[in-house]
Protein backbone atom coordinates (compact mmCIF):
# COMPACT_ATOMS: atom_id res chain seq x y z
CA UNK A 1 -43.97 -157.31 6.95
CA UNK A 2 -43.84 -155.27 10.54
CA UNK A 3 -41.04 -153.36 11.33
CA UNK A 4 -37.80 -155.17 12.95
CA UNK A 5 -37.99 -153.83 16.76
CA UNK A 6 -35.38 -151.58 17.95
CA UNK A 7 -32.50 -153.73 20.77
CA UNK A 8 -33.87 -153.09 23.79
CA UNK A 9 -31.35 -150.48 25.63
CA UNK A 10 -28.60 -150.99 28.03
CA UNK A 11 -26.66 -150.47 30.26
CA UNK A 12 -23.52 -148.02 28.83
CA UNK A 13 -20.60 -149.72 30.87
CA UNK A 14 -22.12 -153.09 29.84
CA UNK A 15 -21.99 -154.93 26.25
CA UNK A 16 -25.51 -156.18 25.43
CA UNK A 17 -25.39 -159.62 26.59
CA UNK A 18 -22.87 -159.38 29.77
CA UNK A 19 -24.48 -160.96 32.85
CA UNK A 20 -26.18 -159.28 35.64
CA UNK A 21 -23.49 -157.09 37.97
CA UNK A 22 -23.68 -159.44 41.69
CA UNK A 23 -26.51 -158.62 43.97
CA UNK A 24 -25.67 -155.88 46.66
CA UNK A 25 -25.79 -157.60 50.16
CA UNK A 26 -27.73 -157.24 52.07
CA UNK A 27 -26.37 -155.81 55.63
CA UNK A 28 -26.52 -159.14 58.10
CA UNK A 29 -29.84 -158.41 60.33
CA UNK A 30 -28.84 -157.47 63.71
CA UNK A 31 -29.08 -159.84 66.23
CA UNK A 32 -32.20 -160.44 68.94
CA UNK A 33 -31.89 -158.26 71.86
CA UNK A 34 -30.38 -160.06 74.35
CA UNK A 35 -32.37 -160.51 77.87
CA UNK A 36 -30.98 -159.23 80.90
CA UNK A 37 -29.24 -161.58 82.98
CA UNK A 38 -30.87 -162.29 86.28
CA UNK A 39 -29.52 -160.59 89.60
CA UNK A 40 -27.06 -163.20 90.96
CA UNK A 41 -28.63 -165.51 93.16
CA UNK A 42 -27.73 -165.14 97.30
CA UNK A 43 -25.33 -168.47 98.25
CA UNK A 44 -27.42 -171.69 98.89
CA UNK A 45 -26.93 -170.61 102.68
CA UNK A 46 -28.10 -167.14 102.76
CA UNK A 47 -31.17 -168.25 100.49
CA UNK A 48 -32.03 -170.67 103.63
CA UNK A 49 -31.29 -168.65 106.02
CA UNK A 50 -33.71 -165.94 104.64
CA UNK A 51 -36.58 -168.51 103.97
CA UNK A 52 -36.25 -169.46 108.17
CA UNK A 53 -36.08 -165.84 108.79
CA UNK A 54 -39.41 -165.12 106.69
CA UNK A 55 -41.33 -167.92 107.77
CA UNK A 56 -39.85 -167.98 111.64
CA UNK A 57 -40.56 -163.43 111.79
CA UNK A 58 -43.92 -164.17 109.92
CA UNK A 59 -46.26 -162.72 112.36
CA UNK A 60 -43.54 -160.89 114.50
CA UNK A 61 -44.51 -157.33 114.27
CA UNK A 62 -41.44 -155.04 114.51
CA UNK A 63 -42.29 -153.82 117.71
CA UNK A 64 -41.77 -157.15 119.20
CA UNK A 65 -38.92 -158.13 117.26
CA UNK A 66 -37.57 -155.53 119.53
CA UNK A 67 -37.41 -157.99 122.12
CA UNK A 68 -36.21 -161.41 120.04
CA UNK A 69 -32.54 -162.40 119.89
CA UNK A 70 -31.29 -164.60 116.70
CA UNK A 71 -28.59 -166.99 117.02
CA UNK A 72 -27.48 -168.63 113.80
CA UNK A 73 -25.21 -171.48 113.84
CA UNK A 74 -24.07 -173.34 110.19
CA UNK A 75 -25.73 -176.53 110.50
CA UNK A 76 -22.29 -178.64 110.18
CA UNK A 77 -21.09 -177.05 113.09
CA UNK A 78 -23.43 -178.25 115.57
CA UNK A 79 -21.73 -181.15 117.21
CA UNK A 80 -18.49 -180.96 115.21
CA UNK A 81 -16.32 -178.62 117.16
CA UNK A 82 -16.25 -176.74 113.84
CA UNK A 83 -16.38 -173.28 113.68
CA UNK A 84 -17.55 -171.02 110.54
CA UNK A 85 -14.61 -168.63 109.92
CA UNK A 86 -14.95 -164.96 111.13
CA UNK A 87 -15.52 -163.92 107.33
CA UNK A 88 -17.73 -166.52 106.59
CA UNK A 89 -20.03 -165.89 110.29
CA UNK A 90 -20.24 -161.83 109.56
CA UNK A 91 -21.45 -162.77 105.83
CA UNK A 92 -24.64 -164.62 107.20
CA UNK A 93 -24.73 -162.24 110.24
CA UNK A 94 -25.03 -159.01 107.58
CA UNK A 95 -27.43 -161.08 105.25
CA UNK A 96 -29.73 -161.74 108.31
CA UNK A 97 -29.06 -157.85 109.12
CA UNK A 98 -30.14 -157.01 105.67
CA UNK A 99 -33.25 -159.36 105.10
CA UNK A 100 -34.10 -157.99 108.74
CA UNK A 101 -33.82 -153.66 107.28
CA UNK A 102 -35.82 -155.03 104.58
CA UNK A 103 -38.60 -156.82 106.29
CA UNK A 104 -38.85 -154.43 108.61
CA UNK A 105 -36.28 -150.92 108.84
CA UNK A 106 -33.32 -150.03 108.95
CA UNK A 107 -33.42 -148.90 112.68
CA UNK A 108 -34.91 -152.81 113.50
CA UNK A 109 -32.36 -153.75 111.49
CA UNK A 110 -29.74 -152.19 113.75
CA UNK A 111 -31.22 -152.68 117.28
CA UNK A 112 -31.46 -156.64 116.49
CA UNK A 113 -29.07 -158.81 118.42
CA UNK A 114 -27.51 -161.60 116.39
CA UNK A 115 -25.39 -163.87 117.97
CA UNK A 116 -22.52 -167.23 116.57
CA UNK A 117 -23.47 -170.32 118.24
CA UNK A 118 -20.96 -172.37 115.38
CA UNK A 119 -18.51 -173.59 118.42
CA UNK A 120 -16.95 -171.42 119.63
CA UNK A 121 -14.38 -171.64 121.47
CA UNK A 122 -11.55 -169.56 123.57
CA UNK A 123 -9.40 -170.15 119.79
CA UNK A 124 -12.11 -168.71 117.57
CA UNK A 125 -14.11 -165.89 120.30
CA UNK A 126 -11.89 -163.12 120.32
CA UNK A 127 -11.99 -163.32 116.08
CA UNK A 128 -15.74 -163.77 115.62
CA UNK A 129 -16.76 -160.85 118.03
CA UNK A 130 -14.96 -158.19 116.07
CA UNK A 131 -16.61 -158.73 113.43
CA UNK A 132 -19.75 -155.78 113.02
CA UNK A 133 -22.43 -157.59 112.74
CA UNK A 134 -22.09 -160.64 115.88
CA UNK A 135 -23.36 -158.91 118.52
CA UNK A 136 -22.36 -161.88 121.01
CA UNK A 137 -21.88 -165.90 121.19
CA UNK A 138 -24.34 -168.56 122.02
CA UNK A 139 -21.69 -171.29 123.57
CA UNK A 140 -22.13 -174.95 123.61
CA UNK A 141 -20.25 -177.43 125.32
CA UNK A 142 -16.89 -174.82 126.24
CA UNK A 143 -19.26 -173.19 128.85
CA UNK A 144 -19.13 -176.72 130.63
CA UNK A 145 -15.59 -175.91 131.32
CA UNK A 146 -15.11 -172.99 133.78
CA UNK A 147 -11.48 -171.56 132.48
CA UNK A 148 -12.33 -171.99 128.67
CA UNK A 149 -16.08 -170.16 129.86
CA UNK A 150 -14.45 -167.79 131.52
CA UNK A 151 -11.82 -166.83 128.66
CA UNK A 152 -14.87 -166.60 126.07
CA UNK A 153 -16.71 -164.20 128.07
CA UNK A 154 -13.72 -162.35 128.47
CA UNK A 155 -13.16 -161.93 125.07
CA UNK A 156 -10.65 -159.32 123.61
CA UNK A 157 -12.02 -157.84 120.69
């Protein structure tokens, strides 16, 4: 007969028939990289104004732009007697100027005349004309009353 086989080797710290130690946990896989968030969207009205500028000034050279005056009036102000706050009007005028700077140049943006036309009244003209990017007013119904129009023309910024 064949000689008996020797017993299998055992780990010195555990008995021969002890269960194997638990498997070491593997490190959790790294989470997938997060995509870079898109830049914040421009406010809707600024997007609309930018689209209108792009379409309206499509074939206008920088030299021609020097003889153009842009008037901005919020659509909700047309014929309503409502006026944007000075902050709202300034933000939109600044966005117009920034768009012109990107499409043309900083010098063209600085030279551009941008008027506000949303129901300018004797009560609103001073604050509106104090805004750095509002260069003038496109006066509607208030121009039909001489003393109101005189007050607007002689605003105090």
